[in-house]
C-alpha atoms as a PDB file:
ATOM      1  CA  MET A   1       3.350   3.804  25.239  1.00  0.00           C
ATOM      2  CA  GLY A   2       5.816   4.773  22.595  1.00  0.00           C
ATOM      3  CA  ILE A   3       4.856   6.771  19.730  1.00  0.00           C
ATOM      4  CA  LEU A   4       4.776   4.363  17.207  1.00  0.00           C
ATOM      5  CA  GLU A   5       1.934   2.341  19.382  1.00  0.00           C
ATOM      6  CA  SER A   6       0.169   5.449  19.843  1.00  0.00           C
ATOM      7  CA  CYS A   7       0.166   6.573  16.919  1.00  0.00           C
ATOM      8  CA  LEU A   8      -1.690   3.533  15.493  1.00  0.00           C
ATOM      9  CA  LYS A   9      -3.769   3.156  18.230  1.00  0.00           C
ATOM     10  CA  LYS A  10      -4.728   6.966  17.574  1.00  0.00           C
ATOM     11  CA  ASN A  11      -5.215   6.434  14.005  1.00  0.00           C
ATOM     12  CA  ASP A  12      -7.159   3.755  13.928  1.00  0.00           C
ATOM     13  CA  GLU A  13      -9.786   5.098  16.420  1.00  0.00           C
ATOM     14  CA  LYS A  14     -10.339   7.779  14.700  1.00  0.00           C
ATOM     15  CA  TRP A  15     -10.660   6.475  10.911  1.00  0.00           C
ATOM     16  CA  PHE A  16     -13.499   3.622  12.966  1.00  0.00           C
ATOM     17  CA  GLU A  17     -15.430   7.096  14.176  1.00  0.00           C
ATOM     18  CA  LEU A  18     -15.092   8.108  10.634  1.00  0.00           C
ATOM     19  CA  SER A  19     -15.830   5.300   8.735  1.00  0.00           C
ATOM     20  CA  ASP A  20     -16.421   1.609  10.310  1.00  0.00           C
ATOM     21  CA  PRO A  21     -15.716  -0.579   7.415  1.00  0.00           C
ATOM     22  CA  GLU A  22     -18.382  -3.228   8.624  1.00  0.00           C
ATOM     23  CA  LYS A  23     -20.618  -0.388   8.602  1.00  0.00           C
ATOM     24  CA  LYS A  24     -19.714   0.857   5.299  1.00  0.00           C
ATOM     25  CA  LYS A  25     -21.311  -0.507   1.944  1.00  0.00           C
ATOM     26  CA  TYR A  26     -19.794  -2.478  -0.169  1.00  0.00           C
ATOM     27  CA  PRO A  27     -19.095  -1.572  -4.046  1.00  0.00           C
ATOM     28  CA  GLU A  28     -21.322  -3.531  -6.237  1.00  0.00           C
ATOM     29  CA  LYS A  29     -19.037  -3.278  -9.392  1.00  0.00           C
ATOM     30  CA  ASP A  30     -15.810  -2.795 -10.134  1.00  0.00           C
ATOM     31  CA  LYS A  31     -14.787   1.026 -11.432  1.00  0.00           C
ATOM     32  CA  LEU A  32     -12.979   2.195 -14.304  1.00  0.00           C
ATOM     33  CA  LEU A  33     -11.033   5.481 -13.359  1.00  0.00           C
ATOM     34  CA  ASN A  34      -9.371   8.185 -16.178  1.00  0.00           C
ATOM     35  CA  ASP A  35      -5.791   8.811 -15.685  1.00  0.00           C
ATOM     36  CA  PRO A  36      -3.970  11.272 -17.289  1.00  0.00           C
ATOM     37  CA  VAL A  37      -0.899   8.651 -17.516  1.00  0.00           C
ATOM     38  CA  TYR A  38      -2.326   4.678 -17.919  1.00  0.00           C
ATOM     39  CA  GLY A  39      -5.583   5.835 -19.581  1.00  0.00           C
ATOM     40  CA  THR A  40      -8.630   4.003 -18.526  1.00  0.00           C
ATOM     41  CA  MET A  41      -7.484   2.118 -15.697  1.00  0.00           C
ATOM     42  CA  ARG A  42     -10.556  -0.850 -14.046  1.00  0.00           C
ATOM     43  CA  LEU A  43     -10.383  -0.935 -10.399  1.00  0.00           C
ATOM     44  CA  THR A  44     -11.984  -4.131  -8.682  1.00  0.00           C
ATOM     45  CA  LYS A  45     -14.257  -3.942  -6.132  1.00  0.00           C
ATOM     46  CA  PRO A  46     -11.930  -4.528  -3.464  1.00  0.00           C
ATOM     47  CA  LEU A  47      -9.614  -2.178  -4.601  1.00  0.00           C
ATOM     48  CA  VAL A  48     -12.866   0.497  -4.679  1.00  0.00           C
ATOM     49  CA  PHE A  49     -13.677  -0.417  -0.998  1.00  0.00           C
ATOM     50  CA  LEU A  50     -10.076   0.293   0.427  1.00  0.00           C
ATOM     51  CA  ILE A  51     -10.015   3.702  -1.234  1.00  0.00           C
ATOM     52  CA  ASP A  52     -12.989   5.113   0.140  1.00  0.00           C
ATOM     53  CA  LEU A  53     -11.163   4.519   3.348  1.00  0.00           C
ATOM     54  CA  PRO A  54     -10.150   7.479   4.998  1.00  0.00           C
ATOM     55  CA  CYS A  55      -6.898   5.700   6.033  1.00  0.00           C
ATOM     56  CA  PHE A  56      -6.521   6.195   2.291  1.00  0.00           C
ATOM     57  CA  GLN A  57      -8.468   9.168   1.546  1.00  0.00           C
ATOM     58  CA  ARG A  58      -6.084  11.348   3.675  1.00  0.00           C
ATOM     59  CA  LEU A  59      -3.247  10.442   0.607  1.00  0.00           C
ATOM     60  CA  ARG A  60      -5.404  13.211  -1.233  1.00  0.00           C
ATOM     61  CA  ARG A  61      -3.646  15.806   0.965  1.00  0.00           C
ATOM     62  CA  ILE A  62      -0.100  14.727   1.651  1.00  0.00           C
ATOM     63  CA  ARG A  63       2.240  16.242  -1.488  1.00  0.00           C
ATOM     64  CA  GLN A  64       4.399  13.937  -3.459  1.00  0.00           C
ATOM     65  CA  LEU A  65       7.003  16.401  -4.139  1.00  0.00           C
ATOM     66  CA  GLY A  66       7.174  18.051  -0.409  1.00  0.00           C
ATOM     67  CA  PHE A  67       7.276  21.796  -0.947  1.00  0.00           C
ATOM     68  CA  SER A  68       8.443  21.277  -4.834  1.00  0.00           C
ATOM     69  CA  ASP A  69       4.863  23.501  -5.706  1.00  0.00           C
ATOM     70  CA  LEU A  70       5.924  26.256  -3.838  1.00  0.00           C
ATOM     71  CA  VAL A  71       8.682  27.080  -6.676  1.00  0.00           C
ATOM     72  CA  TYR A  72       6.887  24.728  -9.834  1.00  0.00           C
ATOM     73  CA  PRO A  73       3.249  25.963  -9.747  1.00  0.00           C
ATOM     74  CA  GLY A  74       1.989  23.035 -11.304  1.00  0.00           C
ATOM     75  CA  ALA A  75       3.915  19.549  -9.181  1.00  0.00           C
ATOM     76  CA  HIS A  76       0.594  19.125  -7.317  1.00  0.00           C
ATOM     77  CA  HIS A  77       0.771  15.750  -7.410  1.00  0.00           C
ATOM     78  CA  THR A  78      -0.169  13.982  -4.213  1.00  0.00           C
ATOM     79  CA  ARG A  79       0.046  10.130  -2.755  1.00  0.00           C
ATOM     80  CA  PHE A  80      -3.139   9.325  -3.701  1.00  0.00           C
ATOM     81  CA  GLU A  81      -2.729   9.277  -7.444  1.00  0.00           C
ATOM     82  CA  HIS A  82       0.882   8.021  -7.052  1.00  0.00           C
ATOM     83  CA  SER A  83      -0.644   5.167  -5.132  1.00  0.00           C
ATOM     84  CA  ILE A  84      -3.491   3.749  -7.048  1.00  0.00           C
ATOM     85  CA  GLY A  85      -0.909   4.087 -10.353  1.00  0.00           C
ATOM     86  CA  THR A  86       1.440   1.993  -8.104  1.00  0.00           C
ATOM     87  CA  ALA A  87      -1.420  -0.433  -7.759  1.00  0.00           C
ATOM     88  CA  HIS A  88      -2.411  -0.578 -11.596  1.00  0.00           C
ATOM     89  CA  LEU A  89       1.353  -1.437 -12.534  1.00  0.00           C
ATOM     90  CA  SER A  90       1.421  -4.115  -9.853  1.00  0.00           C
ATOM     91  CA  LYS A  91      -1.485  -5.511 -11.735  1.00  0.00           C
ATOM     92  CA  LEU A  92       0.020  -4.999 -14.933  1.00  0.00           C
ATOM     93  CA  PHE A  93       3.045  -6.694 -14.400  1.00  0.00           C
ATOM     94  CA  LEU A  94       2.223  -9.635 -12.648  1.00  0.00           C
ATOM     95  CA  SER A  95      -0.432 -10.460 -15.365  1.00  0.00           C
ATOM     96  CA  ASN A  96       2.090 -10.052 -17.571  1.00  0.00           C
ATOM     97  CA  MET A  97       4.392 -12.123 -16.204  1.00  0.00           C
ATOM     98  CA  LYS A  98       1.683 -14.904 -15.568  1.00  0.00           C
ATOM     99  CA  ASN A  99       0.555 -14.844 -19.569  1.00  0.00           C
ATOM    100  CA  ARG A 100       4.537 -14.995 -20.346  1.00  0.00           C
ATOM    101  CA  ASP A 101       5.002 -18.153 -18.013  1.00  0.00           C
ATOM    102  CA  GLU A 102       2.706 -20.747 -17.046  1.00  0.00           C
ATOM    103  CA  ASP A 103       4.934 -22.159 -14.860  1.00  0.00           C
ATOM    104  CA  LEU A 104       3.456 -18.935 -12.324  1.00  0.00           C
ATOM    105  CA  GLU A 105       0.432 -20.238 -12.801  1.00  0.00           C
ATOM    106  CA  HIS A 106       0.418 -21.814  -9.494  1.00  0.00           C
ATOM    107  CA  ILE A 107       2.069 -18.939  -7.350  1.00  0.00           C
ATOM    108  CA  LEU A 108       0.125 -15.741  -9.116  1.00  0.00           C
ATOM    109  CA  SER A 109      -3.102 -16.657  -7.945  1.00  0.00           C
ATOM    110  CA  PRO A 110      -5.891 -14.387  -7.845  1.00  0.00           C
ATOM    111  CA  GLU A 111      -5.493 -13.717  -4.106  1.00  0.00           C
ATOM    112  CA  THR A 112      -1.329 -13.546  -4.337  1.00  0.00           C
ATOM    113  CA  MET A 113      -2.026 -11.298  -6.951  1.00  0.00           C
ATOM    114  CA  LEU A 114      -4.858  -8.641  -5.012  1.00  0.00           C
ATOM    115  CA  GLU A 115      -2.358  -9.048  -1.884  1.00  0.00           C
ATOM    116  CA  SER A 116      -0.055  -7.656  -4.319  1.00  0.00           C
ATOM    117  CA  GLN A 117      -1.861  -4.734  -5.199  1.00  0.00           C
ATOM    118  CA  ILE A 118      -3.111  -3.809  -1.950  1.00  0.00           C
ATOM    119  CA  ALA A 119      -0.082  -3.632  -0.820  1.00  0.00           C
ATOM    120  CA  SER A 120       1.203  -1.506  -4.151  1.00  0.00           C
ATOM    121  CA  LEU A 121      -2.010   0.591  -2.826  1.00  0.00           C
ATOM    122  CA  TYR A 122      -1.109   1.246   0.835  1.00  0.00           C
ATOM    123  CA  HIS A 123       2.317   1.191   0.469  1.00  0.00           C
ATOM    124  CA  ASP A 124       2.447   5.225   1.528  1.00  0.00           C
ATOM    125  CA  ILE A 125      -0.135   5.084   3.937  1.00  0.00           C
ATOM    126  CA  GLY A 126       2.408   6.160   6.848  1.00  0.00           C
ATOM    127  CA  HIS A 127       3.860   9.291   4.815  1.00  0.00           C
ATOM    128  CA  LEU A 128       3.433  12.466   7.173  1.00  0.00           C
ATOM    129  CA  PRO A 129       2.605  15.363   5.890  1.00  0.00           C
ATOM    130  CA  TYR A 130       4.793  16.747   2.752  1.00  0.00           C
ATOM    131  CA  SER A 131       6.558  13.197   2.463  1.00  0.00           C
ATOM    132  CA  HIS A 132      10.137  12.924   2.702  1.00  0.00           C
ATOM    133  CA  VAL A 133      10.662  16.595   4.033  1.00  0.00           C
ATOM    134  CA  THR A 134       9.141  15.409   7.345  1.00  0.00           C
ATOM    135  CA  GLU A 135      10.416  12.253   7.533  1.00  0.00           C
ATOM    136  CA  THR A 136      13.682  12.463   9.367  1.00  0.00           C
ATOM    137  CA  LEU A 137      11.228  13.717  12.131  1.00  0.00           C
ATOM    138  CA  LEU A 138      11.323   9.331  12.930  1.00  0.00           C
ATOM    139  CA  ASP A 139      14.704   8.335  11.764  1.00  0.00           C
ATOM    140  CA  GLY A 140      15.817   8.387  15.831  1.00  0.00           C
ATOM    141  CA  GLU A 141      12.206   7.142  16.883  1.00  0.00           C
ATOM    142  CA  LYS A 142      13.322   3.900  19.187  1.00  0.00           C
ATOM    143  CA  GLU A 143      10.539   1.748  18.035  1.00  0.00           C
ATOM    144  CA  ILE A 144      11.627   2.596  14.631  1.00  0.00           C
ATOM    145  CA  LEU A 145      15.244   1.875  15.178  1.00  0.00           C
ATOM    146  CA  ASP A 146      14.577  -1.412  17.436  1.00  0.00           C
ATOM    147  CA  LEU A 147      12.673  -2.613  14.475  1.00  0.00           C
ATOM    148  CA  LYS A 148      14.512  -2.020  11.737  1.00  0.00           C
ATOM    149  CA  GLU A 149      17.279  -3.882  13.744  1.00  0.00           C
ATOM    150  CA  SER A 150      15.749  -7.074  14.454  1.00  0.00           C
ATOM    151  CA  GLN A 151      13.802  -7.674  11.502  1.00  0.00           C
ATOM    152  CA  ARG A 152      16.482  -6.396   8.954  1.00  0.00           C
ATOM    153  CA  LEU A 153      15.194  -3.762   7.620  1.00  0.00           C
ATOM    154  CA  GLU A 154      18.133  -1.505   7.210  1.00  0.00           C
ATOM    155  CA  ASN A 155      17.240   0.113   3.792  1.00  0.00           C
ATOM    156  CA  VAL A 156      13.615   0.632   4.476  1.00  0.00           C
ATOM    157  CA  LYS A 157      12.164   3.911   5.103  1.00  0.00           C
ATOM    158  CA  PRO A 158      10.318   5.153   8.193  1.00  0.00           C
ATOM    159  CA  HIS A 159       7.151   5.844   6.098  1.00  0.00           C
ATOM    160  CA  GLU A 160       7.431   2.083   4.899  1.00  0.00           C
ATOM    161  CA  ILE A 161       7.103   0.680   8.718  1.00  0.00           C
ATOM    162  CA  LEU A 162       4.362   2.972   9.378  1.00  0.00           C
ATOM    163  CA  SER A 163       1.804   1.559   5.947  1.00  0.00           C
ATOM    164  CA  SER A 164       3.344  -1.977   7.038  1.00  0.00           C
ATOM    165  CA  GLU A 165       2.278  -1.645  10.907  1.00  0.00           C
ATOM    166  CA  PHE A 166      -1.102   0.568   9.603  1.00  0.00           C
ATOM    167  CA  VAL A 167      -2.148  -2.640   7.437  1.00  0.00           C
ATOM    168  CA  LYS A 168      -1.930  -4.823  10.619  1.00  0.00           C
ATOM    169  CA  GLY A 169      -3.965  -3.043  12.752  1.00  0.00           C
ATOM    170  CA  LYS A 170      -7.215  -3.214  13.837  1.00  0.00           C
ATOM    171  CA  TYR A 171      -9.035  -0.799  11.154  1.00  0.00           C
ATOM    172  CA  ILE A 172      -7.220  -2.498   8.319  1.00  0.00           C
ATOM    173  CA  SER A 173      -7.374  -5.914   9.181  1.00  0.00           C
ATOM    174  CA  THR A 174     -11.123  -5.219   9.904  1.00  0.00           C
ATOM    175  CA  ALA A 175     -11.309  -4.194   6.247  1.00  0.00           C
ATOM    176  CA  ILE A 176      -9.762  -6.979   5.004  1.00  0.00           C
ATOM    177  CA  GLU A 177     -11.618  -9.902   6.484  1.00  0.00           C
ATOM    178  CA  LEU A 178     -14.654  -8.103   5.354  1.00  0.00           C
ATOM    179  CA  ILE A 179     -13.192  -8.196   1.289  1.00  0.00           C
ATOM    180  CA  ASN A 180     -12.538 -12.266   2.220  1.00  0.00           C
ATOM    181  CA  LYS A 181     -16.188 -12.087   3.663  1.00  0.00           C
ATOM    182  CA  LYS A 182     -17.569 -10.543   0.036  1.00  0.00           C
ATOM    183  CA  MET A 183     -15.384 -12.276  -2.267  1.00  0.00           C
ATOM    184  CA  GLY A 184     -14.365 -15.528  -0.729  1.00  0.00           C
ATOM    185  CA  PHE A 185     -10.672 -14.847  -0.654  1.00  0.00           C
ATOM    186  CA  ASN A 186      -8.496 -15.893   2.521  1.00  0.00           C
ATOM    187  CA  LEU A 187      -6.499 -12.386   1.883  1.00  0.00           C
ATOM    188  CA  HIS A 188      -4.025 -12.393   4.964  1.00  0.00           C
ATOM    189  CA  PRO A 189      -2.738  -8.556   6.559  1.00  0.00           C
ATOM    190  CA  GLU A 190       0.596 -10.156   7.712  1.00  0.00           C
ATOM    191  CA  SER A 191       1.378 -11.062   4.171  1.00  0.00           C
ATOM    192  CA  ILE A 192       0.281  -7.441   2.769  1.00  0.00           C
ATOM    193  CA  SER A 193       2.486  -5.565   5.511  1.00  0.00           C
ATOM    194  CA  GLY A 194       5.647  -8.002   4.733  1.00  0.00           C
ATOM    195  CA  LEU A 195       5.252  -7.001   0.657  1.00  0.00           C
ATOM    196  CA  ILE A 196       5.730  -3.370   2.374  1.00  0.00           C
ATOM    197  CA  LEU A 197       8.442  -4.101   3.673  1.00  0.00           C
ATOM    198  CA  GLY A 198       9.813  -5.978   0.464  1.00  0.00           C
ATOM    199  CA  LYS A 199       9.200  -9.394   2.151  1.00  0.00           C
ATOM    200  CA  ALA A 200       8.121 -12.428   0.056  1.00  0.00           C
ATOM    201  CA  PRO A 201       5.663 -15.121   1.230  1.00  0.00           C
ATOM    202  CA  LYS A 202       7.334 -17.814   3.054  1.00  0.00           C
ATOM    203  CA  ASN A 203       5.802 -20.407   1.404  1.00  0.00           C
ATOM    204  CA  GLY A 204       8.405 -20.722  -1.345  1.00  0.00           C
ATOM    205  CA  LYS A 205      11.661 -19.975  -3.179  1.00  0.00           C
ATOM    206  CA  GLN A 206       9.873 -19.011  -6.578  1.00  0.00           C
ATOM    207  CA  ASN A 207       7.962 -16.422  -5.560  1.00  0.00           C
ATOM    208  CA  ARG A 208      10.965 -14.114  -3.960  1.00  0.00           C
ATOM    209  CA  PHE A 209      10.179 -11.714  -6.478  1.00  0.00           C
ATOM    210  CA  LEU A 210       6.884 -10.912  -4.950  1.00  0.00           C
ATOM    211  CA  GLY A 211       8.900  -9.159  -2.980  1.00  0.00           C
ATOM    212  CA  GLN A 212      10.819  -7.023  -5.378  1.00  0.00           C
ATOM    213  CA  LEU A 213       8.024  -5.556  -6.976  1.00  0.00           C
ATOM    214  CA  LEU A 214       8.098  -2.465  -4.115  1.00  0.00           C
ATOM    215  CA  HIS A 215      11.639  -2.793  -3.116  1.00  0.00           C
ATOM    216  CA  GLY A 216      13.894  -3.536  -6.170  1.00  0.00           C
ATOM    217  CA  ALA A 217      16.527  -1.924  -8.509  1.00  0.00           C
ATOM    218  CA  VAL A 218      13.437  -0.910 -10.583  1.00  0.00           C
ATOM    219  CA  ASP A 219       9.961  -1.670  -8.899  1.00  0.00           C
ATOM    220  CA  VAL A 220       6.291  -0.734  -9.640  1.00  0.00           C
ATOM    221  CA  ASP A 221       6.892   2.650  -6.892  1.00  0.00           C
ATOM    222  CA  ARG A 222       9.825   4.071  -8.698  1.00  0.00           C
ATOM    223  CA  ILE A 223       8.050   3.315 -12.013  1.00  0.00           C
ATOM    224  CA  ASP A 224       4.612   5.171 -11.160  1.00  0.00           C
ATOM    225  CA  TYR A 225       7.270   8.063  -9.646  1.00  0.00           C
ATOM    226  CA  LEU A 226       9.196   9.043 -12.720  1.00  0.00           C
ATOM    227  CA  PHE A 227       6.375   8.418 -14.845  1.00  0.00           C
END
């Protein structure tokens, strides 16, 4: 068993041990969150459910800026608030596009918009402690290199590959299936995983921009990072 497969298996087992999605109470209503950058944000029930899972809660302890807080005492930003902000920007971005162009109405369905939000929310769950500082430890791993070559992911970072694989794993797939049952949706972990890697859904040329939401010259990930 390679390091990637072993990591996925152990994390799935640990997360199920900490909080089984099927036994967890599903939120009864949306949640309002006060953010110092965006003000009041509305988190829908599916996002509240996914945020409360241990795979996302660990981001509270992952520093956004590596060891910078040792030099700059105020640099305590974490991947937790960054990921929530990225999901919020994703919703704003797609909603504004939909309002400005009626032709996007059939492309940006509630399910498609939610899949994009989930991809934005979970795009960093594969980060190691101290974020990019320790990411070089994965650069030479054969499984990572093989995935990059086979799927043409030259510009994708190791943590994004891990995030993508986690979403397709048993734990998060179980959580997404529960959301489908509760909300009457048909969300696909494979589609969400692809969006994390910058891949647009395969059902038409018109939706290619969805792949650039997290992988563009100016994307929601970078915008929140700069904020």
